[in-house]
Amino acid sequence: MTEHTGSVSWIGIGKMGLPITGRMLEMGVRVAGYDSDRDRMDLAAKNGVQIVNTIDAAIAGQQIVFTSLPHDDALRAVVLADSGLLDKLARGAILIETSTVSAEISAEIGSAAETRGILYLRAPVSGNAAIAHTGNLTCFVSGPRAAFDQVQPILASFTRAQTYLGQAEEARFAKLAVNLMIAVSAGMMAESLALARKGGISWPDILKVLDDSAVASPMVKYKTPLLATRDFESTFSCRQMTKDLDLILGAGHDVGVSLQLAAHVREIYGSLVAQGDGEADFIATVRYVERLSGLGEPKLG
C-alpha cells in the first residue's frame, strides 16, 4: 500500500469518522481530532489520533481540516456560527466536508468560505462504517479544482475512488442521487423477497437467485449474506435513511424534479421509525413488507 504522508485535523469522530481516521493513520496521515463525545475521543485515541479538548486546539497550525457531522444544524453550529471554523481558519486553508447534508447549507458555507479566502471542498463519502477501515469507500468532490488536486492523495488514503465533479454543489447532488438509488433498491428487495416467499420459494433459495441474477448489484451482494442470517444490525440506520430522503425530496423540490419513488420510500422509512425500527439497518424494509404481507420469520436453512 502506498502511504500518503501529511497532517490534517478531523472534527466529528462519529460512526464514519472513527474508522476513516483509523484508516488515514494506517496510511501515514497524521490526524489531530476532536469530537464533543468523550467516549468517541477515547476510542480515536486508541487508534492513534492525537486527541485535543477543543476545536481550536485541533485546527491550530493546520492547513487541511475535515469535518464529519451528522446534519445541517450541527454543521452550521461548527462552521458558520460566530467563532466557528470559518472565523478561525487561516486564509488559504482547505476545509473538506464529508457528510450528507443539504445543498443549501453547503452553498452557504461555500459563499462564506470564499469571502474569507478559505478553500471549501464538498467531499461526501459513499459506503458505510463497516467497510470504512478497508479503504473501499468512494467520494464525490466539488469545489476549487486546485484544492482537490492538492488533497487527492489524502482522500485516496481512505477511499478507492475520488471523482471530481465541478466547482459548486455537484458533489452534494451526486451523494443524494446515490442514496436515492440505495433507498429505492432496499424497497425493491423487500417486495421481491416477500413475493418470492409467497410463491413458495425458500429463504436461502431466493437470496441465491438474487445473488446470481442480473440485479445482483454490489448492494444486493453485500446485503444477501446478512439477510441469510436475518442480521439487521445497523450499518446505516432507518433513521439515517429517513433524514437523507428528506434531503433528497427537498433537493428535488428545489430543482423541479418529480421524485415519486423517493416520496413513497420515505413513507416506508417513516413507518419503520414509528414502529421502533429507527436504529435497525435500512434493509429492515424487508421486515416491513413481511409484516404487511402476513409473513413470519423464514426458515433460514
Protein backbone atom coordinates (compact mmCIF):
# COMPACT_ATOMS: atom_id res chain seq x y z
CA MET A 1 0.00 0.00 0.00
CA THR A 2 1.20 3.49 -0.82
CA GLU A 3 1.43 5.82 2.15
CA HIS A 4 0.24 9.41 1.93
CA THR A 5 2.15 11.45 4.47
CA GLY A 6 0.74 14.70 5.80
CA SER A 7 -1.12 16.19 8.71
CA VAL A 8 -4.80 17.04 9.00
CA SER A 9 -7.48 17.91 11.53
CA TRP A 10 -10.69 15.92 11.81
CA ILE A 11 -13.78 17.36 13.50
CA GLY A 12 -16.53 14.83 14.29
CA ILE A 13 -15.19 11.37 15.12
CA GLY A 14 -18.52 9.55 14.86
CA LYS A 15 -19.67 6.35 13.19
CA MET A 16 -17.82 7.21 9.97
CA GLY A 17 -15.12 9.49 11.31
CA LEU A 18 -13.71 6.88 13.68
CA PRO A 19 -12.85 4.18 11.10
CA ILE A 20 -11.85 6.76 8.48
CA THR A 21 -9.30 8.42 10.76
CA GLY A 22 -8.02 4.97 11.71
CA ARG A 23 -7.50 4.17 8.05
CA MET A 24 -5.74 7.50 7.45
CA LEU A 25 -3.32 6.80 10.29
CA GLU A 26 -2.55 3.36 8.84
CA MET A 27 -1.70 5.05 5.55
CA GLY A 28 0.69 7.52 7.13
CA VAL A 29 -1.52 10.60 7.56
CA ARG A 30 -1.17 12.26 10.96
CA VAL A 31 -4.55 13.23 12.43
CA ALA A 32 -5.48 15.66 15.19
CA GLY A 33 -9.10 15.09 16.17
CA TYR A 34 -11.97 16.49 18.18
CA ASP A 35 -15.48 15.30 18.99
CA SER A 36 -17.99 16.54 21.53
CA ASP A 37 -18.44 12.93 22.73
CA ARG A 38 -15.67 12.00 25.16
CA ASP A 39 -16.15 8.27 24.55
CA ARG A 40 -15.60 8.76 20.83
CA MET A 41 -12.41 10.67 21.52
CA ASP A 42 -11.16 7.89 23.79
CA LEU A 43 -11.77 5.33 21.02
CA ALA A 44 -9.98 7.54 18.50
CA ALA A 45 -7.03 7.96 20.85
CA LYS A 46 -6.69 4.17 20.99
CA ASN A 47 -6.41 4.22 17.18
CA GLY A 48 -3.60 6.77 17.38
CA VAL A 49 -5.47 10.02 16.72
CA GLN A 50 -3.94 12.99 18.53
CA ILE A 51 -6.90 13.97 20.69
CA VAL A 52 -7.41 17.52 21.92
CA ASN A 53 -10.10 19.08 24.09
CA THR A 54 -11.24 21.92 21.83
CA ILE A 55 -11.80 22.57 18.15
CA ASP A 56 -9.33 25.46 18.41
CA ALA A 57 -6.61 23.08 19.53
CA ALA A 58 -7.49 20.58 16.80
CA ILE A 59 -7.07 23.09 13.98
CA ALA A 60 -4.10 25.02 15.41
CA GLY A 61 -1.49 25.31 12.68
CA GLN A 62 -3.41 23.03 10.31
CA GLN A 63 -3.97 23.88 6.66
CA ILE A 64 -6.29 20.93 5.94
CA VAL A 65 -9.39 20.41 8.10
CA PHE A 66 -12.02 17.68 7.64
CA THR A 67 -15.49 17.70 9.15
CA SER A 68 -17.86 14.74 9.55
CA LEU A 69 -21.04 15.99 11.19
CA PRO A 70 -24.50 14.40 11.39
CA HIS A 71 -26.79 17.05 9.89
CA ASP A 72 -27.21 20.65 8.72
CA ASP A 73 -27.72 22.11 12.19
CA ALA A 74 -24.54 20.56 13.56
CA LEU A 75 -22.58 21.73 10.52
CA ARG A 76 -23.94 25.26 10.86
CA ALA A 77 -23.04 25.38 14.57
CA VAL A 78 -19.47 24.19 14.00
CA VAL A 79 -18.63 26.01 10.77
CA LEU A 80 -20.80 29.11 10.39
CA ALA A 81 -21.53 30.25 13.93
CA ASP A 82 -19.69 33.20 15.44
CA SER A 83 -16.18 31.98 16.29
CA GLY A 84 -16.85 28.88 14.21
CA LEU A 85 -14.34 27.21 11.90
CA LEU A 86 -14.60 29.81 9.17
CA ASP A 87 -13.68 32.54 11.65
CA LYS A 88 -10.65 30.60 12.84
CA LEU A 89 -9.07 29.06 9.77
CA ALA A 90 -6.27 30.95 8.05
CA ARG A 91 -6.67 32.28 4.52
CA GLY A 92 -5.65 29.58 2.08
CA ALA A 93 -6.67 26.73 4.40
CA ILE A 94 -8.69 23.87 2.91
CA LEU A 95 -11.95 22.83 4.58
CA ILE A 96 -13.25 19.42 3.48
CA GLU A 97 -16.78 18.43 4.47
CA THR A 98 -17.54 14.70 4.17
CA SER A 99 -21.13 14.31 5.43
CA THR A 100 -24.50 14.03 3.71
CA VAL A 101 -26.03 17.49 4.12
CA SER A 102 -28.26 19.76 2.06
CA ALA A 103 -27.04 21.68 -0.94
CA GLU A 104 -28.44 24.82 0.73
CA ILE A 105 -26.23 24.71 3.84
CA SER A 106 -23.30 23.65 1.68
CA ALA A 107 -23.74 26.62 -0.67
CA GLU A 108 -23.97 28.95 2.32
CA ILE A 109 -20.66 27.62 3.62
CA GLY A 110 -19.15 27.91 0.16
CA SER A 111 -20.07 31.58 -0.09
CA ALA A 112 -18.79 32.38 3.40
CA ALA A 113 -15.57 30.44 2.82
CA GLU A 114 -14.86 32.26 -0.44
CA THR A 115 -15.30 35.61 1.30
CA ARG A 116 -12.69 34.59 3.89
CA GLY A 117 -10.23 33.14 1.37
CA ILE A 118 -10.77 29.57 2.56
CA LEU A 119 -10.88 26.75 0.00
CA TYR A 120 -14.01 24.67 0.61
CA LEU A 121 -14.38 21.15 -0.79
CA ARG A 122 -17.64 19.23 -0.67
CA ALA A 123 -16.49 15.61 -0.38
CA PRO A 124 -19.32 13.35 0.82
CA VAL A 125 -18.26 9.73 1.14
CA SER A 126 -20.23 6.77 -0.15
CA GLY A 127 -20.18 3.46 1.70
CA ASN A 128 -20.76 2.56 5.32
CA ALA A 129 -18.88 2.36 8.58
CA ALA A 130 -18.47 -1.42 8.26
CA ILE A 131 -16.13 -1.02 5.26
CA ALA A 132 -14.55 2.35 6.05
CA HIS A 133 -11.49 0.75 7.66
CA THR A 134 -10.75 -1.15 4.43
CA GLY A 135 -10.28 1.91 2.23
CA ASN A 136 -13.16 0.87 -0.02
CA LEU A 137 -15.27 3.97 0.45
CA THR A 138 -15.63 6.31 -2.51
CA CYS A 139 -16.09 10.06 -2.51
CA PHE A 140 -17.56 12.71 -4.79
CA VAL A 141 -15.86 16.09 -4.71
CA SER A 142 -16.74 19.58 -5.84
CA GLY A 143 -15.15 22.94 -5.11
CA PRO A 144 -11.89 24.59 -6.17
CA ARG A 145 -10.06 22.22 -8.52
CA ALA A 146 -6.60 23.22 -7.27
CA ALA A 147 -7.61 22.32 -3.71
CA PHE A 148 -8.89 18.94 -4.87
CA ASP A 149 -5.64 18.23 -6.70
CA GLN A 150 -3.69 19.11 -3.56
CA VAL A 151 -5.64 16.84 -1.20
CA GLN A 152 -6.42 13.94 -3.55
CA PRO A 153 -3.57 11.81 -2.13
CA ILE A 154 -5.04 12.26 1.35
CA LEU A 155 -8.54 11.40 0.12
CA ALA A 156 -7.02 8.32 -1.50
CA SER A 157 -5.76 7.17 1.90
CA PHE A 158 -9.34 6.22 2.86
CA THR A 159 -11.23 5.96 -0.46
CA ARG A 160 -10.66 3.76 -3.51
CA ALA A 161 -12.07 6.38 -5.92
CA GLN A 162 -12.28 10.15 -5.83
CA THR A 163 -14.50 11.71 -8.50
CA TYR A 164 -14.18 15.44 -9.14
CA LEU A 165 -17.48 16.86 -10.39
CA GLY A 166 -17.30 20.65 -10.53
CA GLN A 167 -16.93 23.93 -8.70
CA ALA A 168 -20.15 24.14 -6.69
CA GLU A 169 -22.70 21.70 -5.18
CA GLU A 170 -22.35 18.90 -7.72
CA ALA A 171 -20.93 16.52 -5.10
CA ARG A 172 -23.96 17.08 -2.86
CA PHE A 173 -26.35 16.12 -5.65
CA ALA A 174 -24.20 13.09 -6.53
CA LYS A 175 -24.41 11.77 -2.97
CA LEU A 176 -28.17 12.33 -2.81
CA ALA A 177 -28.62 10.61 -6.17
CA VAL A 178 -26.65 7.56 -4.99
CA ASN A 179 -28.54 7.38 -1.70
CA LEU A 180 -31.85 7.60 -3.55
CA MET A 181 -30.86 4.53 -5.55
CA ILE A 182 -29.89 2.71 -2.36
CA ALA A 183 -33.17 3.56 -0.61
CA VAL A 184 -35.33 2.53 -3.56
CA SER A 185 -33.27 -0.65 -4.02
CA ALA A 186 -33.94 -1.58 -0.38
CA GLY A 187 -37.66 -1.15 -1.01
CA MET A 188 -37.49 -3.26 -4.17
CA MET A 189 -35.56 -6.03 -2.42
CA ALA A 190 -38.17 -6.15 0.34
CA GLU A 191 -41.08 -6.56 -2.08
CA SER A 192 -39.19 -9.06 -4.26
CA LEU A 193 -38.31 -11.25 -1.29
CA ALA A 194 -41.86 -11.20 0.07
CA LEU A 195 -43.29 -12.07 -3.34
CA ALA A 196 -40.88 -14.99 -3.72
CA ARG A 197 -41.70 -16.34 -0.28
CA LYS A 198 -45.43 -16.14 -1.00
CA GLY A 199 -44.71 -18.11 -4.19
CA GLY A 200 -43.20 -20.93 -2.17
CA ILE A 201 -39.50 -20.22 -2.65
CA SER A 202 -37.35 -20.89 0.41
CA TRP A 203 -35.40 -18.06 2.03
CA PRO A 204 -31.94 -19.38 1.12
CA ASP A 205 -33.04 -20.10 -2.45
CA ILE A 206 -34.42 -16.64 -3.21
CA LEU A 207 -31.33 -14.98 -1.75
CA LYS A 208 -29.20 -17.16 -4.06
CA VAL A 209 -31.45 -16.26 -7.00
CA LEU A 210 -30.89 -12.54 -6.37
CA ASP A 211 -27.16 -13.04 -5.87
CA ASP A 212 -26.79 -14.86 -9.19
CA SER A 213 -29.14 -12.68 -11.24
CA ALA A 214 -28.87 -9.59 -13.40
CA VAL A 215 -29.98 -7.46 -10.43
CA ALA A 216 -27.01 -8.50 -8.26
CA SER A 217 -25.63 -5.03 -7.66
CA PRO A 218 -22.83 -4.52 -5.11
CA MET A 219 -25.51 -3.51 -2.60
CA VAL A 220 -27.50 -6.71 -3.20
CA LYS A 221 -24.37 -8.84 -2.84
CA TYR A 222 -23.45 -7.01 0.36
CA LYS A 223 -26.89 -7.45 1.91
CA THR A 224 -27.75 -11.04 0.97
CA PRO A 225 -25.26 -12.68 3.39
CA LEU A 226 -26.63 -10.54 6.23
CA LEU A 227 -30.21 -11.32 5.27
CA ALA A 228 -29.33 -15.02 5.19
CA THR A 229 -28.93 -14.88 8.98
CA ARG A 230 -31.56 -12.14 9.48
CA ASP A 231 -28.88 -9.73 10.68
CA PHE A 232 -30.46 -6.27 10.88
CA GLU A 233 -27.74 -4.65 12.97
CA SER A 234 -27.26 -1.19 11.57
CA THR A 235 -24.56 -0.25 9.11
CA PHE A 236 -26.76 2.70 8.10
CA SER A 237 -29.97 3.06 10.07
CA CYS A 238 -33.58 3.56 9.02
CA ARG A 239 -33.49 6.87 10.90
CA GLN A 240 -30.46 8.00 8.92
CA MET A 241 -32.12 6.97 5.66
CA THR A 242 -35.21 8.96 6.63
CA LYS A 243 -33.02 12.03 7.09
CA ASP A 244 -31.36 11.51 3.73
CA LEU A 245 -34.68 11.00 1.95
CA ASP A 246 -35.89 14.30 3.39
CA LEU A 247 -32.78 15.93 1.90
CA ILE A 248 -33.41 14.17 -1.42
CA LEU A 249 -37.04 15.28 -1.59
CA GLY A 250 -36.07 18.83 -0.65
CA ALA A 251 -33.44 18.92 -3.37
CA GLY A 252 -35.90 17.57 -5.92
CA HIS A 253 -38.44 20.20 -4.98
CA ASP A 254 -35.85 22.96 -5.26
CA VAL A 255 -34.69 21.98 -8.75
CA GLY A 256 -38.05 20.85 -10.11
CA VAL A 257 -37.63 17.07 -10.31
CA SER A 258 -40.53 14.72 -9.63
CA LEU A 259 -39.36 12.11 -7.12
CA GLN A 260 -42.41 9.91 -6.70
CA LEU A 261 -40.48 6.76 -5.80
CA ALA A 262 -38.46 8.69 -3.23
CA ALA A 263 -41.66 10.01 -1.65
CA HIS A 264 -43.12 6.51 -1.40
CA VAL A 265 -39.97 5.02 0.10
CA ARG A 266 -39.77 7.93 2.56
CA GLU A 267 -43.17 6.91 3.91
CA ILE A 268 -41.93 3.34 4.36
CA TYR A 269 -38.95 4.52 6.38
CA GLY A 270 -41.16 6.85 8.39
CA SER A 271 -43.31 3.85 9.29
CA LEU A 272 -40.26 1.80 10.26
CA VAL A 273 -39.08 4.55 12.61
CA ALA A 274 -42.58 4.86 14.12
CA GLN A 275 -42.71 1.09 14.67
CA GLY A 276 -39.47 1.07 16.65
CA ASP A 277 -37.05 0.13 13.87
CA GLY A 278 -35.34 3.52 13.68
CA GLU A 279 -31.95 2.17 14.72
CA ALA A 280 -32.21 -1.03 12.65
CA ASP A 281 -30.31 -1.28 9.38
CA PHE A 282 -32.01 0.35 6.39
CA ILE A 283 -32.62 -3.11 4.88
CA ALA A 284 -35.27 -3.55 7.59
CA THR A 285 -37.63 -2.70 4.74
CA VAL A 286 -37.64 -6.49 4.40
CA ARG A 287 -39.30 -6.89 7.78
CA TYR A 288 -41.74 -4.07 7.00
CA VAL A 289 -43.08 -5.72 3.83
CA GLU A 290 -43.15 -9.11 5.55
CA ARG A 291 -45.42 -7.69 8.23
CA LEU A 292 -47.70 -6.14 5.63
CA SER A 293 -47.83 -9.48 3.78
CA GLY A 294 -48.59 -11.61 6.82
CA LEU A 295 -45.25 -13.37 6.70
CA GLY A 296 -43.42 -14.51 9.81
CA GLU A 297 -39.75 -15.31 10.17
CA PRO A 298 -38.50 -17.55 7.36
CA LYS A 299 -36.68 -20.83 7.80
CA LEU A 300 -33.02 -19.98 7.38
CA GLY A 301 -31.76 -23.38 6.29
